[in-house]
C-alpha atoms as a PDB file:
ATOM      1  CA  MET A   1      34.306  56.888   5.442  1.00  0.00           C
ATOM      2  CA  SER A   2      34.188  57.406   1.719  1.00  0.00           C
ATOM      3  CA  PRO A   3      30.753  56.862   0.077  1.00  0.00           C
ATOM      4  CA  LEU A   4      30.035  53.401  -1.651  1.00  0.00           C
ATOM      5  CA  SER A   5      30.245  53.209  -5.359  1.00  0.00           C
ATOM      6  CA  ARG A   6      27.122  52.260  -7.336  1.00  0.00           C
ATOM      7  CA  ARG A   7      28.505  48.963  -8.103  1.00  0.00           C
ATOM      8  CA  GLU A   8      29.518  48.261  -4.400  1.00  0.00           C
ATOM      9  CA  PHE A   9      26.219  49.449  -3.145  1.00  0.00           C
ATOM     10  CA  LEU A  10      24.447  46.975  -5.594  1.00  0.00           C
ATOM     11  CA  LYS A  11      26.585  44.196  -4.611  1.00  0.00           C
ATOM     12  CA  THR A  12      26.085  44.664  -1.085  1.00  0.00           C
ATOM     13  CA  SER A  13      22.576  45.290  -1.315  1.00  0.00           C
ATOM     14  CA  LEU A  14      21.901  41.975  -3.325  1.00  0.00           C
ATOM     15  CA  ALA A  15      24.048  40.056  -0.697  1.00  0.00           C
ATOM     16  CA  ALA A  16      21.773  41.434   2.035  1.00  0.00           C
ATOM     17  CA  GLY A  17      18.558  40.510   0.083  1.00  0.00           C
ATOM     18  CA  ALA A  18      19.660  37.143  -0.446  1.00  0.00           C
ATOM     19  CA  ALA A  19      20.718  36.416   2.875  1.00  0.00           C
ATOM     20  CA  GLY A  20      17.510  37.862   4.449  1.00  0.00           C
ATOM     21  CA  SER A  21      15.331  35.883   1.990  1.00  0.00           C
ATOM     22  CA  VAL A  22      16.844  32.400   2.985  1.00  0.00           C
ATOM     23  CA  GLY A  23      14.181  32.236   5.753  1.00  0.00           C
ATOM     24  CA  THR A  24      11.179  32.869   3.558  1.00  0.00           C
ATOM     25  CA  LEU A  25      12.107  30.405   0.880  1.00  0.00           C
ATOM     26  CA  PRO A  26       9.334  27.669   0.642  1.00  0.00           C
ATOM     27  CA  LEU A  27      10.401  24.240   2.293  1.00  0.00           C
ATOM     28  CA  HIS A  28       9.315  21.007   0.791  1.00  0.00           C
ATOM     29  CA  ALA A  29       7.090  18.973   2.998  1.00  0.00           C
ATOM     30  CA  SER A  30       8.382  15.554   3.716  1.00  0.00           C
ATOM     31  CA  PRO A  31       6.342  12.892   1.774  1.00  0.00           C
ATOM     32  CA  ARG A  32       3.426  11.428   3.343  1.00  0.00           C
ATOM     33  CA  LYS A  33       3.959   7.955   4.241  1.00  0.00           C
ATOM     34  CA  ALA A  34       1.828   4.666   5.290  1.00  0.00           C
ATOM     35  CA  THR A  35       3.784   4.677   8.741  1.00  0.00           C
ATOM     36  CA  ASP A  36       3.009   8.207   9.441  1.00  0.00           C
ATOM     37  CA  VAL A  37       1.169   8.871  12.609  1.00  0.00           C
ATOM     38  CA  VAL A  38      -2.253  10.704  12.055  1.00  0.00           C
ATOM     39  CA  THR A  39      -5.076  12.089  14.223  1.00  0.00           C
ATOM     40  CA  LEU A  40      -8.490  10.648  14.157  1.00  0.00           C
ATOM     41  CA  GLY A  41     -10.687  13.370  13.616  1.00  0.00           C
ATOM     42  CA  LYS A  42     -11.334  15.381  17.159  1.00  0.00           C
ATOM     43  CA  THR A  43     -10.519  12.033  19.507  1.00  0.00           C
ATOM     44  CA  GLY A  44      -7.075  12.919  19.855  1.00  0.00           C
ATOM     45  CA  ILE A  45      -6.262   9.401  19.184  1.00  0.00           C
ATOM     46  CA  GLN A  46      -3.122   9.042  17.007  1.00  0.00           C
ATOM     47  CA  VAL A  47      -2.502   5.947  14.935  1.00  0.00           C
ATOM     48  CA  THR A  48      -0.334   4.861  11.746  1.00  0.00           C
ATOM     49  CA  ARG A  49      -2.173   5.428   8.615  1.00  0.00           C
ATOM     50  CA  LEU A  50      -1.708   1.824   7.878  1.00  0.00           C
ATOM     51  CA  ALA A  51      -3.397  -0.564  10.161  1.00  0.00           C
ATOM     52  CA  PHE A  52      -2.799  -4.521  10.283  1.00  0.00           C
ATOM     53  CA  GLY A  53      -6.118  -5.974  10.015  1.00  0.00           C
ATOM     54  CA  THR A  54      -6.956  -9.488  11.690  1.00  0.00           C
ATOM     55  CA  GLY A  55     -10.372 -10.182  10.096  1.00  0.00           C
ATOM     56  CA  THR A  56      -9.887 -11.460   6.696  1.00  0.00           C
ATOM     57  CA  ASN A  57     -13.055 -13.986   6.203  1.00  0.00           C
ATOM     58  CA  GLY A  58     -13.729 -13.289   9.904  1.00  0.00           C
ATOM     59  CA  GLY A  59     -10.004 -13.903  10.921  1.00  0.00           C
ATOM     60  CA  GLU A  60      -9.898 -17.360   9.254  1.00  0.00           C
ATOM     61  CA  VAL A  61      -7.015 -16.147   7.225  1.00  0.00           C
ATOM     62  CA  GLN A  62      -4.921 -15.088   9.845  1.00  0.00           C
ATOM     63  CA  SER A  63      -5.709 -17.672  12.458  1.00  0.00           C
ATOM     64  CA  SER A  64      -4.916 -20.507   9.989  1.00  0.00           C
ATOM     65  CA  LEU A  65      -1.385 -19.463  10.014  1.00  0.00           C
ATOM     66  CA  GLY A  66      -1.036 -20.729  13.674  1.00  0.00           C
ATOM     67  CA  GLN A  67       0.428 -18.583  16.751  1.00  0.00           C
ATOM     68  CA  ALA A  68       3.833 -18.910  15.547  1.00  0.00           C
ATOM     69  CA  GLU A  69       3.465 -17.579  12.064  1.00  0.00           C
ATOM     70  CA  PHE A  70       0.997 -15.114  13.004  1.00  0.00           C
ATOM     71  CA  THR A  71       3.230 -13.615  15.868  1.00  0.00           C
ATOM     72  CA  ARG A  72       6.045 -13.593  13.305  1.00  0.00           C
ATOM     73  CA  LEU A  73       3.959 -11.422  10.787  1.00  0.00           C
ATOM     74  CA  VAL A  74       2.780  -9.040  13.577  1.00  0.00           C
ATOM     75  CA  HIS A  75       6.356  -8.493  14.614  1.00  0.00           C
ATOM     76  CA  TYR A  76       7.558  -7.922  10.919  1.00  0.00           C
ATOM     77  CA  ALA A  77       4.607  -5.439  10.841  1.00  0.00           C
ATOM     78  CA  TYR A  78       5.661  -3.652  13.832  1.00  0.00           C
ATOM     79  CA  ASP A  79       9.300  -3.664  12.759  1.00  0.00           C
ATOM     80  CA  ARG A  80       8.138  -2.024   9.530  1.00  0.00           C
ATOM     81  CA  GLY A  81       6.420   0.845  11.439  1.00  0.00           C
ATOM     82  CA  ILE A  82       2.815  -0.460  11.650  1.00  0.00           C
ATOM     83  CA  ARG A  83       1.577   0.376  15.037  1.00  0.00           C
ATOM     84  CA  PHE A  84      -2.138   0.243  14.630  1.00  0.00           C
ATOM     85  CA  PHE A  85      -3.716  -3.277  15.110  1.00  0.00           C
ATOM     86  CA  GLU A  86      -7.286  -4.162  14.774  1.00  0.00           C
ATOM     87  CA  THR A  87      -9.499  -7.040  15.570  1.00  0.00           C
ATOM     88  CA  ALA A  88     -13.028  -7.878  16.845  1.00  0.00           C
ATOM     89  CA  GLN A  89     -14.916  -9.930  19.533  1.00  0.00           C
ATOM     90  CA  GLY A  90     -16.341 -11.771  16.594  1.00  0.00           C
ATOM     91  CA  TYR A  91     -13.201 -12.669  14.798  1.00  0.00           C
ATOM     92  CA  THR A  92     -11.114 -15.868  15.634  1.00  0.00           C
ATOM     93  CA  THR A  93      -8.066 -13.563  16.224  1.00  0.00           C
ATOM     94  CA  PRO A  94      -8.199 -11.504  19.464  1.00  0.00           C
ATOM     95  CA  ALA A  95      -6.237 -14.157  21.735  1.00  0.00           C
ATOM     96  CA  MET A  96      -3.628 -14.520  19.020  1.00  0.00           C
ATOM     97  CA  LEU A  97      -3.235 -10.841  18.604  1.00  0.00           C
ATOM     98  CA  GLY A  98      -3.155 -10.127  22.376  1.00  0.00           C
ATOM     99  CA  GLU A  99      -0.291 -13.091  22.452  1.00  0.00           C
ATOM    100  CA  ALA A 100       1.613 -11.649  19.526  1.00  0.00           C
ATOM    101  CA  LEU A 101       1.950  -8.042  20.967  1.00  0.00           C
ATOM    102  CA  LYS A 102       3.171  -9.310  24.290  1.00  0.00           C
ATOM    103  CA  GLY A 103       6.391  -7.809  25.262  1.00  0.00           C
ATOM    104  CA  TYR A 104       5.880  -4.660  23.098  1.00  0.00           C
ATOM    105  CA  PRO A 105       5.360  -1.152  25.481  1.00  0.00           C
ATOM    106  CA  ARG A 106       1.681  -0.779  25.307  1.00  0.00           C
ATOM    107  CA  GLU A 107       2.093   2.832  24.678  1.00  0.00           C
ATOM    108  CA  SER A 108       3.860   1.947  21.512  1.00  0.00           C
ATOM    109  CA  TYR A 109       0.775   0.705  19.422  1.00  0.00           C
ATOM    110  CA  GLN A 110      -3.041   1.388  19.215  1.00  0.00           C
ATOM    111  CA  LEU A 111      -5.577  -1.440  19.498  1.00  0.00           C
ATOM    112  CA  MET A 112      -9.023  -1.242  18.031  1.00  0.00           C
ATOM    113  CA  SER A 113     -11.706  -3.992  18.742  1.00  0.00           C
ATOM    114  CA  LYS A 114     -15.280  -4.265  17.724  1.00  0.00           C
ATOM    115  CA  LEU A 115     -18.357  -5.547  19.530  1.00  0.00           C
ATOM    116  CA  SER A 116     -21.198  -7.611  18.104  1.00  0.00           C
ATOM    117  CA  THR A 117     -24.429  -5.882  19.125  1.00  0.00           C
ATOM    118  CA  ASP A 118     -26.617  -8.897  19.992  1.00  0.00           C
ATOM    119  CA  GLU A 119     -29.955  -8.576  22.124  1.00  0.00           C
ATOM    120  CA  THR A 120     -28.895 -10.755  25.248  1.00  0.00           C
ATOM    121  CA  SER A 121     -25.113 -10.299  26.174  1.00  0.00           C
ATOM    122  CA  ASP A 122     -23.584  -7.776  28.533  1.00  0.00           C
ATOM    123  CA  PRO A 123     -21.684  -5.058  26.952  1.00  0.00           C
ATOM    124  CA  GLN A 124     -19.436  -4.468  29.900  1.00  0.00           C
ATOM    125  CA  LYS A 125     -18.523  -7.974  30.326  1.00  0.00           C
ATOM    126  CA  ARG A 126     -17.849  -8.050  26.717  1.00  0.00           C
ATOM    127  CA  ILE A 127     -15.452  -5.159  26.718  1.00  0.00           C
ATOM    128  CA  ASP A 128     -13.660  -6.752  29.731  1.00  0.00           C
ATOM    129  CA  ASP A 129     -13.233  -9.858  27.871  1.00  0.00           C
ATOM    130  CA  GLN A 130     -11.735  -7.932  25.024  1.00  0.00           C
ATOM    131  CA  ARG A 131      -9.347  -6.322  27.671  1.00  0.00           C
ATOM    132  CA  ARG A 132      -8.407  -9.589  29.321  1.00  0.00           C
ATOM    133  CA  ILE A 133      -7.914 -11.570  25.740  1.00  0.00           C
ATOM    134  CA  LEU A 134      -5.887  -8.705  24.563  1.00  0.00           C
ATOM    135  CA  HIS A 135      -3.676  -8.342  27.751  1.00  0.00           C
ATOM    136  CA  THR A 136      -4.705  -4.591  27.847  1.00  0.00           C
ATOM    137  CA  ASP A 137      -6.191  -2.228  30.377  1.00  0.00           C
ATOM    138  CA  TYR A 138      -7.616  -0.100  27.700  1.00  0.00           C
ATOM    139  CA  LEU A 139      -8.788  -0.203  24.118  1.00  0.00           C
ATOM    140  CA  ASP A 140      -7.738   2.955  21.859  1.00  0.00           C
ATOM    141  CA  ILE A 141     -11.153   2.388  19.914  1.00  0.00           C
ATOM    142  CA  MET A 142     -14.061   0.422  20.310  1.00  0.00           C
ATOM    143  CA  LEU A 143     -16.705   0.125  17.807  1.00  0.00           C
ATOM    144  CA  LEU A 144     -20.162  -1.258  17.180  1.00  0.00           C
ATOM    145  CA  HIS A 145     -19.705  -4.110  14.791  1.00  0.00           C
ATOM    146  CA  TRP A 146     -21.573  -4.830  11.605  1.00  0.00           C
ATOM    147  CA  GLN A 147     -24.358  -2.058  12.171  1.00  0.00           C
ATOM    148  CA  HIS A 148     -26.184  -3.086   8.912  1.00  0.00           C
ATOM    149  CA  GLU A 149     -29.841  -1.622   9.496  1.00  0.00           C
ATOM    150  CA  ALA A 150     -31.170   1.731   9.318  1.00  0.00           C
ATOM    151  CA  ASP A 151     -32.384   1.701  12.846  1.00  0.00           C
ATOM    152  CA  TRP A 152     -29.136   0.936  14.256  1.00  0.00           C
ATOM    153  CA  PRO A 153     -28.847   4.041  16.449  1.00  0.00           C
ATOM    154  CA  VAL A 154     -31.850   2.752  18.317  1.00  0.00           C
ATOM    155  CA  THR A 155     -31.669  -0.828  18.478  1.00  0.00           C
ATOM    156  CA  SER A 156     -27.788  -0.652  19.487  1.00  0.00           C
ATOM    157  CA  LYS A 157     -28.647   1.922  22.052  1.00  0.00           C
ATOM    158  CA  ARG A 158     -27.542  -0.181  25.031  1.00  0.00           C
ATOM    159  CA  TRP A 159     -24.135  -1.109  23.380  1.00  0.00           C
ATOM    160  CA  MET A 160     -23.471   2.578  22.909  1.00  0.00           C
ATOM    161  CA  ASP A 161     -24.382   3.052  26.557  1.00  0.00           C
ATOM    162  CA  GLY A 162     -21.867   0.283  27.461  1.00  0.00           C
ATOM    163  CA  ILE A 163     -19.186   1.763  25.553  1.00  0.00           C
ATOM    164  CA  ASP A 164     -19.828   5.137  27.068  1.00  0.00           C
ATOM    165  CA  GLU A 165     -19.548   3.771  30.491  1.00  0.00           C
ATOM    166  CA  ALA A 166     -16.355   2.095  29.725  1.00  0.00           C
ATOM    167  CA  GLN A 167     -15.072   5.347  28.303  1.00  0.00           C
ATOM    168  CA  SER A 168     -15.763   6.969  31.517  1.00  0.00           C
ATOM    169  CA  LYS A 169     -13.624   4.705  33.151  1.00  0.00           C
ATOM    170  CA  GLN A 170     -10.680   5.213  30.911  1.00  0.00           C
ATOM    171  CA  MET A 171     -11.212   1.544  29.427  1.00  0.00           C
ATOM    172  CA  VAL A 172     -11.981   2.695  26.133  1.00  0.00           C
ATOM    173  CA  LYS A 173     -10.386   5.886  24.563  1.00  0.00           C
ATOM    174  CA  ALA A 174     -12.604   6.536  21.455  1.00  0.00           C
ATOM    175  CA  ARG A 175     -15.912   5.008  20.203  1.00  0.00           C
ATOM    176  CA  GLY A 176     -17.461   4.565  16.795  1.00  0.00           C
ATOM    177  CA  ALA A 177     -19.103   2.154  14.468  1.00  0.00           C
ATOM    178  CA  SER A 178     -18.509  -0.056  11.346  1.00  0.00           C
ATOM    179  CA  VAL A 179     -21.370  -0.179   8.698  1.00  0.00           C
ATOM    180  CA  HIS A 180     -22.444  -2.269   5.843  1.00  0.00           C
ATOM    181  CA  GLY A 181     -24.898  -1.111   3.389  1.00  0.00           C
ATOM    182  CA  LEU A 182     -26.258   2.404   2.491  1.00  0.00           C
ATOM    183  CA  PRO A 183     -29.349   2.226   4.881  1.00  0.00           C
ATOM    184  CA  ALA A 184     -26.822   2.055   8.027  1.00  0.00           C
ATOM    185  CA  LEU A 185     -24.147   4.398   6.457  1.00  0.00           C
ATOM    186  CA  ARG A 186     -26.817   7.168   5.930  1.00  0.00           C
ATOM    187  CA  GLN A 187     -27.039   7.175   9.693  1.00  0.00           C
ATOM    188  CA  MET A 188     -23.844   8.193  10.266  1.00  0.00           C
ATOM    189  CA  PRO A 189     -23.592  11.988   9.158  1.00  0.00           C
ATOM    190  CA  GLY A 190     -25.233  13.990  12.052  1.00  0.00           C
ATOM    191  CA  ASN A 191     -25.109  11.428  14.633  1.00  0.00           C
ATOM    192  CA  GLN A 192     -23.629  12.945  17.706  1.00  0.00           C
ATOM    193  CA  TRP A 193     -22.598   9.712  19.314  1.00  0.00           C
ATOM    194  CA  LEU A 194     -20.008   8.713  16.857  1.00  0.00           C
ATOM    195  CA  GLU A 195     -16.223   9.641  17.171  1.00  0.00           C
ATOM    196  CA  ILE A 196     -15.050   7.032  14.452  1.00  0.00           C
ATOM    197  CA  ALA A 197     -16.434   6.070  11.174  1.00  0.00           C
ATOM    198  CA  MET A 198     -15.233   2.665   9.726  1.00  0.00           C
ATOM    199  CA  ILE A 199     -16.594   2.640   6.048  1.00  0.00           C
ATOM    200  CA  ARG A 200     -15.950   0.439   3.179  1.00  0.00           C
ATOM    201  CA  MET A 201     -13.949   1.980   0.335  1.00  0.00           C
ATOM    202  CA  ASN A 202     -12.373   1.060  -3.121  1.00  0.00           C
ATOM    203  CA  HIS A 203     -12.426   2.631  -6.430  1.00  0.00           C
ATOM    204  CA  ASN A 204     -15.096   0.658  -8.331  1.00  0.00           C
ATOM    205  CA  GLY A 205     -17.458  -0.397  -5.560  1.00  0.00           C
ATOM    206  CA  THR A 206     -16.471  -3.985  -4.895  1.00  0.00           C
ATOM    207  CA  ARG A 207     -17.788  -5.425  -1.663  1.00  0.00           C
ATOM    208  CA  MET A 208     -18.964  -1.900  -1.017  1.00  0.00           C
ATOM    209  CA  ASP A 209     -22.108  -0.277   0.497  1.00  0.00           C
ATOM    210  CA  GLY A 210     -25.361  -0.797  -1.744  1.00  0.00           C
ATOM    211  CA  PRO A 211     -28.907  -0.791  -1.158  1.00  0.00           C
ATOM    212  CA  SER A 212     -28.660  -3.834   1.147  1.00  0.00           C
ATOM    213  CA  TRP A 213     -25.946  -5.043   3.818  1.00  0.00           C
ATOM    214  CA  GLU A 214     -24.916  -7.923   1.623  1.00  0.00           C
ATOM    215  CA  ASP A 215     -21.440  -7.837   0.297  1.00  0.00           C
ATOM    216  CA  ASN A 216     -22.330  -7.163  -3.133  1.00  0.00           C
ATOM    217  CA  ASN A 217     -20.415  -5.129  -5.850  1.00  0.00           C
ATOM    218  CA  ASN A 218     -22.031  -1.800  -5.979  1.00  0.00           C
ATOM    219  CA  PRO A 219     -20.282   0.725  -8.314  1.00  0.00           C
ATOM    220  CA  ASN A 220     -23.023   2.804  -8.906  1.00  0.00           C
ATOM    221  CA  ASP A 221     -23.324   3.620  -5.096  1.00  0.00           C
ATOM    222  CA  ARG A 222     -19.538   4.402  -4.848  1.00  0.00           C
ATOM    223  CA  ASP A 223     -19.934   8.306  -5.142  1.00  0.00           C
ATOM    224  CA  GLU A 224     -22.738   8.338  -2.420  1.00  0.00           C
ATOM    225  CA  VAL A 225     -20.294   6.521  -0.105  1.00  0.00           C
ATOM    226  CA  VAL A 226     -17.625   9.118  -0.723  1.00  0.00           C
ATOM    227  CA  GLY A 227     -20.004  12.000   0.091  1.00  0.00           C
ATOM    228  CA  HIS A 228     -20.817  10.222   3.200  1.00  0.00           C
ATOM    229  CA  VAL A 229     -17.101   9.943   3.975  1.00  0.00           C
ATOM    230  CA  LYS A 230     -16.863  13.850   3.563  1.00  0.00           C
ATOM    231  CA  GLN A 231     -19.970  14.622   5.519  1.00  0.00           C
ATOM    232  CA  VAL A 232     -18.542  12.792   8.655  1.00  0.00           C
ATOM    233  CA  LYS A 233     -14.921  14.187   8.410  1.00  0.00           C
ATOM    234  CA  GLN A 234     -16.453  17.575   8.178  1.00  0.00           C
ATOM    235  CA  GLN A 235     -18.284  16.881  11.168  1.00  0.00           C
ATOM    236  CA  GLY A 236     -14.992  16.007  12.948  1.00  0.00           C
ATOM    237  CA  MET A 237     -15.191  12.028  12.890  1.00  0.00           C
ATOM    238  CA  GLY A 238     -11.930  10.138  12.198  1.00  0.00           C
ATOM    239  CA  VAL A 239     -12.495   7.805   9.119  1.00  0.00           C
ATOM    240  CA  ILE A 240     -11.155   4.261   8.926  1.00  0.00           C
ATOM    241  CA  SER A 241     -11.712   2.408   5.692  1.00  0.00           C
ATOM    242  CA  MET A 242     -11.645  -1.532   4.804  1.00  0.00           C
ATOM    243  CA  LYS A 243     -12.003  -3.515   1.770  1.00  0.00           C
ATOM    244  CA  LEU A 244      -9.424  -1.450  -0.193  1.00  0.00           C
ATOM    245  CA  ALA A 245      -8.444  -4.881  -1.782  1.00  0.00           C
ATOM    246  CA  GLY A 246     -11.925  -5.523  -2.621  1.00  0.00           C
ATOM    247  CA  ASN A 247     -12.142  -8.493   0.039  1.00  0.00           C
ATOM    248  CA  GLY A 248      -9.147 -10.048  -1.530  1.00  0.00           C
ATOM    249  CA  THR A 249     -10.623  -9.974  -5.123  1.00  0.00           C
ATOM    250  CA  PHE A 250      -8.163  -7.443  -6.350  1.00  0.00           C
ATOM    251  CA  THR A 251      -5.684  -9.850  -7.976  1.00  0.00           C
ATOM    252  CA  ARG A 252      -4.116  -7.273 -10.177  1.00  0.00           C
ATOM    253  CA  HIS A 253      -1.406  -5.073  -8.671  1.00  0.00           C
ATOM    254  CA  GLU A 254      -2.440  -2.073 -10.266  1.00  0.00           C
ATOM    255  CA  ASP A 255      -6.013  -2.330  -8.907  1.00  0.00           C
ATOM    256  CA  ARG A 256      -4.896  -2.658  -5.232  1.00  0.00           C
ATOM    257  CA  GLN A 257      -2.763   0.639  -5.799  1.00  0.00           C
ATOM    258  CA  THR A 258      -5.594   2.373  -7.595  1.00  0.00           C
ATOM    259  CA  ALA A 259      -7.855   1.518  -4.861  1.00  0.00           C
ATOM    260  CA  MET A 260      -5.429   3.071  -2.180  1.00  0.00           C
ATOM    261  CA  ARG A 261      -5.021   6.246  -4.217  1.00  0.00           C
ATOM    262  CA  PHE A 262      -8.660   6.610  -4.652  1.00  0.00           C
ATOM    263  CA  ALA A 263      -9.374   5.881  -0.955  1.00  0.00           C
ATOM    264  CA  PHE A 264      -6.700   8.808   0.195  1.00  0.00           C
ATOM    265  CA  LYS A 265      -6.856  11.167  -2.707  1.00  0.00           C
ATOM    266  CA  THR A 266     -10.458  11.242  -3.723  1.00  0.00           C
ATOM    267  CA  ALA A 267     -12.444  10.026  -0.632  1.00  0.00           C
ATOM    268  CA  GLY A 268     -10.134  11.535   1.808  1.00  0.00           C
ATOM    269  CA  ILE A 269      -9.932   8.768   4.363  1.00  0.00           C
ATOM    270  CA  ASP A 270      -7.620   8.937   7.316  1.00  0.00           C
ATOM    271  CA  CYS A 271      -6.257   5.530   7.580  1.00  0.00           C
ATOM    272  CA  ALA A 272      -7.083   1.923   6.253  1.00  0.00           C
ATOM    273  CA  THR A 273      -6.944  -1.494   7.768  1.00  0.00           C
ATOM    274  CA  VAL A 274      -5.581  -4.378   5.285  1.00  0.00           C
ATOM    275  CA  GLY A 275      -5.487  -7.999   6.259  1.00  0.00           C
ATOM    276  CA  PHE A 276      -2.439  -9.722   5.784  1.00  0.00           C
ATOM    277  CA  LYS A 277      -1.131 -13.301   5.488  1.00  0.00           C
ATOM    278  CA  ASN A 278       2.337 -13.036   4.864  1.00  0.00           C
ATOM    279  CA  THR A 279       5.292 -10.392   4.713  1.00  0.00           C
ATOM    280  CA  GLN A 280       5.165  -9.740   1.077  1.00  0.00           C
ATOM    281  CA  GLU A 281       1.645  -8.333   1.571  1.00  0.00           C
ATOM    282  CA  ILE A 282       3.036  -5.949   4.202  1.00  0.00           C
ATOM    283  CA  ASP A 283       5.481  -4.813   2.239  1.00  0.00           C
ATOM    284  CA  GLU A 284       3.091  -4.153  -0.764  1.00  0.00           C
ATOM    285  CA  ALA A 285       0.635  -2.562   1.002  1.00  0.00           C
ATOM    286  CA  ILE A 286       3.077  -0.064   2.515  1.00  0.00           C
ATOM    287  CA  ASP A 287       4.388   0.734  -0.897  1.00  0.00           C
ATOM    288  CA  ASN A 288       1.178   1.168  -2.351  1.00  0.00           C
ATOM    289  CA  MET A 289       0.128   3.585   0.401  1.00  0.00           C
ATOM    290  CA  ASN A 290       3.293   5.657  -0.083  1.00  0.00           C
ATOM    291  CA  VAL A 291       2.641   5.733  -4.056  1.00  0.00           C
ATOM    292  CA  ALA A 292      -1.156   6.766  -3.428  1.00  0.00           C
ATOM    293  CA  LEU A 293      -0.020   9.694  -0.868  1.00  0.00           C
ATOM    294  CA  ALA A 294       2.882  10.949  -2.955  1.00  0.00           C
END
């Protein structure tokens, strides 16, 4: 075989090099989306980044729609790809949500509820009631609701034990707490019982945590809240946020969009729950989150 000319050699080498390098070219990751499934910390629980909240003003906003319209809204959200639904024993909506989700395969969506931690009620009965009302054998996530004092890890111990028992029986898959106020929030980092932390979050501290549990505006305490989010995430907790629309006070679209971007890009939350009263709000929340994640 005759030797290759210099020109032929270079041509062959370049072609071979190009072919060999195709597999090493950087691939562009798909854009992150509101309806992507994410894993919450070390729990293994997978949820959509955007959750359908049913607790606006204690659920009054959602329950005032009536069952038929509420069901239509839940079905619209499901069809748009939202598969994470949130309620609480203290809201007016658990029975309505259970009715709305009838007919969907249970494994196709995730449910989170919250228990009011009063002094006299039986934790196991409360958990059983939530399972019955929501037409489910298990809750993907069960939280202690509205923990608002610095001593909540002690005063809510029997409720924690009740959730532990339910978890051992596969009635609850993951456990956690929602907090109001810095004294309660400061108990989350280092807490070995918590798997999920529900923390209020937006860009200007509207209805966010401050010196007390009251729903005040606390812009000067925003950075401390963000710091605690980062601490609990480093510990392996999943972080779910609420109040991204300032409890409905953000009337400007740019504020709602900025709040979403701040929560995901600056604070680094895993997912957010937003309360809806119409399909337009669902569409906007999905769009806002998609923009925030881009």
